[in-house]
Amino acid sequence: MATVVDLITYPVKGCAGTSVDSTHLTPAGLAHDRSFMVVGVDGVFRTQRRDPRLALVRPTVSAGGGRLTLVSTEPDSGHGALHLDVTTSAPRRDVDLFGATYQGIDQGEEAAAWLTEFLGAPSRLVRVPPKHDRKTDGLTPGTSGYADSSAVHLLSRASLAHLHARLAERGAPLLAMDRFRPNIVIDSLPEGCQGEDWAAEPHAEDRIRRAAIGAAGLGYTKLAVRCAVTLVDQEAGARGGPEPLRTLADYRRFSAGGVVFGTKFAVVRSGKLSVGDEVTVEEWGEAER
C-alpha cells in the first residue's frame, strides 16, 4: 500500500493547478479537472508548449461548478481577477484538441478579453458540454474532459526522487513535481504502518493495473509520454533548458517513441478522494517498455 500525499486539479487545461484536501473522482477525473480550455480564434487549443504564460493563470471553480475565477500569479502583472458565472447554455463551437474535433460552450466576451490581454494573443474560453461523449484510449476504456488523454495522471514521489538523483549526477538543478502536472501524488506509508512498501520503488506505478483509493477505483490505460510542457518553469511561466527530457532520455525511453514518466488511468469507480487515503493495488502487471 501507499498513501495519497497530494491531489491537484487543473480546471482550465494548460493553466496552473490547485491542491485540494479532498475531492470527488468523477468518470472524467477529479471534479472540474480540465473542464475548461483556452482556444485560439481558430478553435485550436492553447497549450504551454506554445503559450507558457498559461502557467501563470490560476483558476478556481466553486463547488457546484457555477462560478469560475481566474487570477494571475505573475507579480505586479496589473491583471485583476476575473470572476465569471459559468454558462452551459451559450452557443457551442467546434474546438480542436490534437486534431480531433469536440464541442465547447463559449464563456463570453469578458473571459475572452481577459485571456487575450494576458496571453497577448486572441483567445476564447470554452467549457465541456454537459454531454461530452469522449472515449479515451489505452488498456482500460474511459472518458475525460479536455485532458490530453486519460482522466487521471498518477505519479509517485519515489519516481521524482530517482530523477532528482540522476539530475544531481550531471549537475543539473532539481525540478518541482509541478513540472509533470499530476493529479494524484503518492508516497510510502507513514512510518510505523504495516504493509508492503512498494511505493518506495521508483516507477512502481507503471505496474499498477487496478487500484482502489478511498471509495474510488482506477484502471490502467498507459504510460505518460512526456512533452515540452515539462520544460516550462511553472512559477515563471517561461520555457527553460533541456531538463528533464534530456535526463529522462537516458533511462526512460519508450519503445513506441518518446520518454515516459508517470502513469495514466481511467476511472472505473467514482467516489471521494482525500489526502491520506491508502492506495491498494488490486492487480499488478508488467511495465510497458
Protein backbone atom coordinates (compact mmCIF):
# COMPACT_ATOMS: atom_id res chain seq x y z
CA MET A 1 0.00 0.00 0.00
CA ALA A 2 0.86 3.68 -0.27
CA THR A 3 -0.88 6.92 0.60
CA VAL A 4 -2.12 9.92 -1.33
CA VAL A 5 0.00 12.94 -0.41
CA ASP A 6 -1.37 15.45 -2.92
CA LEU A 7 -4.45 15.89 -5.09
CA ILE A 8 -4.22 18.51 -7.83
CA THR A 9 -6.96 19.67 -10.14
CA TYR A 10 -6.47 21.80 -13.26
CA PRO A 11 -9.85 23.36 -14.06
CA VAL A 12 -8.55 25.12 -17.19
CA LYS A 13 -6.40 22.98 -19.45
CA GLY A 14 -2.82 24.27 -19.51
CA CYS A 15 -3.27 26.65 -16.58
CA ALA A 16 -1.96 26.30 -13.04
CA GLY A 17 -3.22 23.56 -10.76
CA THR A 18 -4.71 23.80 -7.28
CA SER A 19 -4.05 21.31 -4.49
CA VAL A 20 -7.12 20.17 -2.57
CA ASP A 21 -7.52 18.14 0.60
CA SER A 22 -10.40 16.13 -0.80
CA THR A 23 -12.48 15.95 -3.95
CA HIS A 24 -14.86 13.72 -5.85
CA LEU A 25 -13.47 11.50 -8.57
CA THR A 26 -15.90 11.52 -11.49
CA PRO A 27 -15.76 9.32 -14.61
CA ALA A 28 -13.87 12.19 -16.29
CA GLY A 29 -11.36 12.66 -13.46
CA LEU A 30 -11.07 14.89 -10.41
CA ALA A 31 -14.04 17.22 -10.06
CA HIS A 32 -13.80 20.06 -12.64
CA ASP A 33 -10.40 18.85 -13.90
CA ARG A 34 -9.77 20.14 -17.45
CA SER A 35 -13.42 21.11 -17.79
CA PHE A 36 -12.40 24.42 -19.40
CA MET A 37 -9.98 25.12 -22.22
CA VAL A 38 -8.42 28.19 -23.83
CA VAL A 39 -8.60 28.20 -27.62
CA GLY A 40 -7.48 30.49 -30.41
CA VAL A 41 -9.93 32.12 -32.81
CA ASP A 42 -9.50 29.03 -34.99
CA GLY A 43 -10.72 26.81 -32.16
CA VAL A 44 -7.34 25.10 -31.68
CA PHE A 45 -6.49 24.57 -28.01
CA ARG A 46 -3.78 26.65 -26.41
CA THR A 47 -1.03 24.77 -24.61
CA GLN A 48 2.08 25.62 -22.60
CA ARG A 49 4.06 24.13 -25.47
CA ARG A 50 3.35 27.37 -27.35
CA ASP A 51 1.90 29.63 -24.64
CA PRO A 52 3.91 29.03 -21.44
CA ARG A 53 2.26 32.04 -19.76
CA LEU A 54 -0.80 29.83 -19.25
CA ALA A 55 1.08 28.51 -16.21
CA LEU A 56 0.65 31.93 -14.57
CA VAL A 57 -3.15 31.73 -14.67
CA ARG A 58 -4.59 30.07 -11.56
CA PRO A 59 -8.25 29.06 -11.91
CA THR A 60 -10.62 28.04 -9.14
CA VAL A 61 -14.14 26.67 -9.53
CA SER A 62 -16.91 26.84 -6.97
CA ALA A 63 -18.05 23.54 -5.50
CA GLY A 64 -21.11 23.40 -7.71
CA GLY A 65 -19.19 24.45 -10.79
CA GLY A 66 -21.23 27.60 -11.39
CA ARG A 67 -18.52 30.15 -10.71
CA LEU A 68 -15.01 30.36 -12.19
CA THR A 69 -12.26 32.70 -11.03
CA LEU A 70 -9.05 33.40 -12.94
CA VAL A 71 -6.15 35.02 -11.08
CA SER A 72 -2.71 35.96 -12.38
CA THR A 73 0.18 34.64 -10.27
CA GLU A 74 2.61 36.98 -12.03
CA PRO A 75 3.97 39.55 -9.54
CA ASP A 76 2.79 43.08 -10.30
CA SER A 77 1.10 41.94 -13.50
CA GLY A 78 -1.65 44.51 -13.15
CA HIS A 79 -4.26 41.94 -14.15
CA GLY A 80 -7.18 41.90 -11.78
CA ALA A 81 -9.04 38.71 -11.01
CA LEU A 82 -11.79 37.61 -13.37
CA HIS A 83 -14.95 36.32 -11.70
CA LEU A 84 -17.16 34.54 -14.18
CA ASP A 85 -20.61 32.99 -14.00
CA VAL A 86 -20.23 29.75 -15.92
CA THR A 87 -22.73 29.17 -18.69
CA THR A 88 -23.80 25.82 -20.09
CA SER A 89 -26.45 27.24 -22.41
CA ALA A 90 -24.42 29.61 -24.61
CA PRO A 91 -23.74 28.69 -28.25
CA ARG A 92 -21.37 25.82 -28.86
CA ARG A 93 -18.38 25.94 -31.15
CA ASP A 94 -16.06 23.37 -32.65
CA VAL A 95 -12.74 23.04 -30.83
CA ASP A 96 -9.65 21.19 -31.94
CA LEU A 97 -7.70 19.01 -29.49
CA PHE A 98 -4.75 17.24 -31.13
CA GLY A 99 -6.57 17.22 -34.45
CA ALA A 100 -9.80 15.75 -33.03
CA THR A 101 -12.94 17.89 -33.13
CA TYR A 102 -15.04 18.32 -30.00
CA GLN A 103 -17.63 20.83 -28.83
CA GLY A 104 -17.11 23.68 -26.39
CA ILE A 105 -19.51 26.14 -24.78
CA ASP A 106 -18.13 29.65 -25.23
CA GLN A 107 -17.86 31.55 -21.93
CA GLY A 108 -18.29 35.01 -23.38
CA GLU A 109 -16.51 38.24 -24.20
CA GLU A 110 -15.27 39.15 -20.71
CA ALA A 111 -13.32 35.90 -20.39
CA ALA A 112 -12.05 36.23 -23.96
CA ALA A 113 -10.81 39.78 -23.35
CA TRP A 114 -9.05 38.85 -20.08
CA LEU A 115 -7.21 35.91 -21.63
CA THR A 116 -6.41 37.75 -24.85
CA GLU A 117 -4.75 40.57 -22.93
CA PHE A 118 -2.87 38.25 -20.58
CA LEU A 119 -1.57 35.89 -23.26
CA GLY A 120 -1.02 38.55 -25.91
CA ALA A 121 -2.94 36.51 -28.49
CA PRO A 122 -6.65 36.36 -29.44
CA SER A 123 -8.19 33.74 -27.19
CA ARG A 124 -11.52 32.42 -26.03
CA LEU A 125 -12.57 30.23 -23.11
CA VAL A 126 -14.79 27.20 -23.62
CA ARG A 127 -16.35 24.67 -21.27
CA VAL A 128 -17.02 20.97 -21.78
CA PRO A 129 -20.70 20.49 -22.68
CA PRO A 130 -22.85 18.58 -20.19
CA LYS A 131 -22.97 15.74 -22.73
CA HIS A 132 -19.37 15.18 -23.81
CA ASP A 133 -19.12 11.71 -25.29
CA ARG A 134 -15.36 11.45 -25.49
CA LYS A 135 -13.80 7.99 -25.35
CA THR A 136 -10.17 7.74 -24.27
CA ASP A 137 -7.69 5.15 -25.49
CA GLY A 138 -5.43 2.75 -23.64
CA LEU A 139 -5.78 -0.59 -21.90
CA THR A 140 -8.85 0.42 -19.85
CA PRO A 141 -11.70 2.28 -21.61
CA GLY A 142 -12.66 5.61 -20.13
CA THR A 143 -13.55 9.23 -20.72
CA SER A 144 -12.17 12.64 -19.84
CA GLY A 145 -12.86 16.32 -20.32
CA TYR A 146 -10.18 18.28 -22.17
CA ALA A 147 -7.26 16.30 -20.73
CA ASP A 148 -4.63 15.21 -23.24
CA SER A 149 -5.89 11.66 -22.94
CA SER A 150 -6.90 9.66 -19.85
CA ALA A 151 -8.80 11.05 -16.89
CA VAL A 152 -6.14 10.67 -14.18
CA HIS A 153 -2.37 11.10 -14.11
CA LEU A 154 -0.67 9.45 -11.12
CA LEU A 155 2.96 9.89 -10.08
CA SER A 156 5.00 8.78 -7.07
CA ARG A 157 7.48 10.76 -5.03
CA ALA A 158 9.90 7.84 -5.40
CA SER A 159 9.96 8.31 -9.17
CA LEU A 160 10.70 12.02 -8.79
CA ALA A 161 13.42 11.29 -6.20
CA HIS A 162 15.08 8.90 -8.64
CA LEU A 163 15.01 11.57 -11.35
CA HIS A 164 16.49 14.05 -8.87
CA ALA A 165 19.40 11.70 -8.19
CA ARG A 166 20.15 11.46 -11.90
CA LEU A 167 19.86 15.22 -12.35
CA ALA A 168 22.26 15.75 -9.45
CA GLU A 169 24.78 13.37 -11.04
CA ARG A 170 25.06 15.62 -14.06
CA GLY A 171 24.96 18.86 -12.03
CA ALA A 172 21.51 19.85 -13.27
CA PRO A 173 19.04 21.66 -10.99
CA LEU A 174 16.28 19.67 -9.31
CA LEU A 175 12.74 20.16 -10.58
CA ALA A 176 9.47 20.55 -8.75
CA MET A 177 6.69 17.98 -9.02
CA ASP A 178 4.53 20.56 -10.79
CA ARG A 179 6.67 20.23 -13.93
CA PHE A 180 4.81 16.95 -14.53
CA ARG A 181 1.29 18.19 -13.65
CA PRO A 182 0.00 15.03 -11.94
CA ASN A 183 -3.50 14.68 -10.47
CA ILE A 184 -2.58 12.19 -7.74
CA VAL A 185 0.80 12.07 -6.00
CA ILE A 186 1.54 9.03 -3.85
CA ASP A 187 4.23 8.18 -1.31
CA SER A 188 5.20 5.39 1.03
CA LEU A 189 3.07 4.53 4.04
CA PRO A 190 3.74 6.70 7.11
CA GLU A 191 6.44 5.38 9.43
CA GLY A 192 5.14 2.67 11.73
CA CYS A 193 2.37 1.49 9.40
CA GLN A 194 2.26 -2.11 8.32
CA GLY A 195 2.22 -3.17 4.69
CA GLU A 196 4.40 -3.79 1.66
CA ASP A 197 6.29 -0.58 0.89
CA TRP A 198 6.09 -0.87 -2.90
CA ALA A 199 5.76 2.91 -3.24
CA ALA A 200 9.43 3.30 -2.26
CA GLU A 201 10.34 1.70 -5.60
CA PRO A 202 10.77 4.25 -8.42
CA HIS A 203 8.18 3.81 -11.17
CA ALA A 204 6.24 1.13 -9.32
CA GLU A 205 3.13 2.95 -10.58
CA ASP A 206 3.98 1.68 -14.09
CA ARG A 207 2.97 -1.83 -12.99
CA ILE A 208 -0.40 -0.97 -11.44
CA ARG A 209 -3.33 -2.35 -13.43
CA ARG A 210 -6.16 -1.87 -10.92
CA ALA A 211 -6.11 0.24 -7.76
CA ALA A 212 -8.56 1.32 -5.08
CA ILE A 213 -8.17 4.75 -3.46
CA GLY A 214 -10.72 5.81 -0.91
CA ALA A 215 -14.11 4.97 -2.38
CA ALA A 216 -12.83 5.20 -5.96
CA GLY A 217 -11.21 2.79 -8.39
CA LEU A 218 -8.67 3.26 -11.19
CA GLY A 219 -7.80 1.14 -14.21
CA TYR A 220 -4.50 1.43 -16.07
CA THR A 221 -4.58 2.95 -19.53
CA LYS A 222 -0.97 3.73 -20.49
CA LEU A 223 2.30 5.33 -19.51
CA ALA A 224 2.53 9.12 -19.61
CA VAL A 225 4.66 10.16 -22.57
CA ARG A 226 6.29 13.48 -21.71
CA CYS A 227 6.40 16.53 -23.95
CA ALA A 228 7.85 20.05 -23.97
CA VAL A 229 5.45 21.19 -21.21
CA THR A 230 7.91 19.62 -18.74
CA LEU A 231 10.46 22.23 -19.86
CA VAL A 232 8.26 25.10 -18.61
CA ASP A 233 9.04 26.60 -15.21
CA GLN A 234 5.55 26.64 -13.72
CA GLU A 235 6.30 29.56 -11.40
CA ALA A 236 7.95 31.74 -14.05
CA GLY A 237 5.64 30.82 -16.92
CA ALA A 238 8.65 30.52 -19.22
CA ARG A 239 10.40 27.70 -21.01
CA GLY A 240 13.77 26.76 -19.57
CA GLY A 241 16.56 24.41 -20.63
CA PRO A 242 16.62 20.79 -21.77
CA GLU A 243 15.67 19.21 -18.46
CA PRO A 244 14.02 16.92 -17.59
CA LEU A 245 13.69 15.49 -21.10
CA ARG A 246 17.45 15.22 -21.58
CA THR A 247 17.94 13.12 -18.45
CA LEU A 248 14.76 11.07 -18.91
CA ALA A 249 16.02 10.13 -22.37
CA ASP A 250 18.94 8.36 -20.66
CA TYR A 251 16.76 5.80 -18.90
CA ARG A 252 13.05 6.23 -19.70
CA ARG A 253 12.87 5.85 -23.48
CA PHE A 254 9.66 4.19 -24.62
CA SER A 255 9.67 1.66 -27.46
CA ALA A 256 6.67 3.38 -29.06
CA GLY A 257 8.55 6.70 -29.06
CA GLY A 258 9.36 9.49 -26.63
CA VAL A 259 10.15 9.25 -22.93
CA VAL A 260 7.74 8.26 -20.17
CA PHE A 261 7.30 9.41 -16.59
CA GLY A 262 4.15 8.69 -14.57
CA THR A 263 1.07 6.68 -15.43
CA LYS A 264 -2.38 7.40 -16.84
CA PHE A 265 -5.57 5.80 -15.53
CA ALA A 266 -9.25 5.63 -16.37
CA VAL A 267 -11.86 5.88 -13.64
CA VAL A 268 -13.59 2.55 -13.12
CA ARG A 269 -15.41 3.55 -9.93
CA SER A 270 -16.32 7.08 -8.88
CA GLY A 271 -16.03 8.20 -5.27
CA LYS A 272 -14.47 10.56 -2.80
CA LEU A 273 -10.68 11.01 -2.67
CA SER A 274 -8.76 12.59 0.19
CA VAL A 275 -5.15 13.27 1.03
CA GLY A 276 -4.10 10.47 3.37
CA ASP A 277 -6.16 7.80 1.61
CA GLU A 278 -4.42 4.46 1.23
CA VAL A 279 -3.71 3.21 -2.28
CA THR A 280 -4.44 -0.51 -2.52
CA VAL A 281 -3.22 -2.26 -5.66
CA GLU A 282 -5.76 -4.88 -6.67
CA GLU A 283 -3.90 -6.08 -9.76
CA TRP A 284 -0.29 -5.81 -10.92
CA GLY A 285 1.16 -6.22 -14.39
CA GLU A 286 4.43 -5.91 -16.25
CA ALA A 287 5.62 -2.41 -17.02
CA GLU A 288 5.42 -1.45 -20.67
CA ARG A 289 8.77 -0.75 -22.29
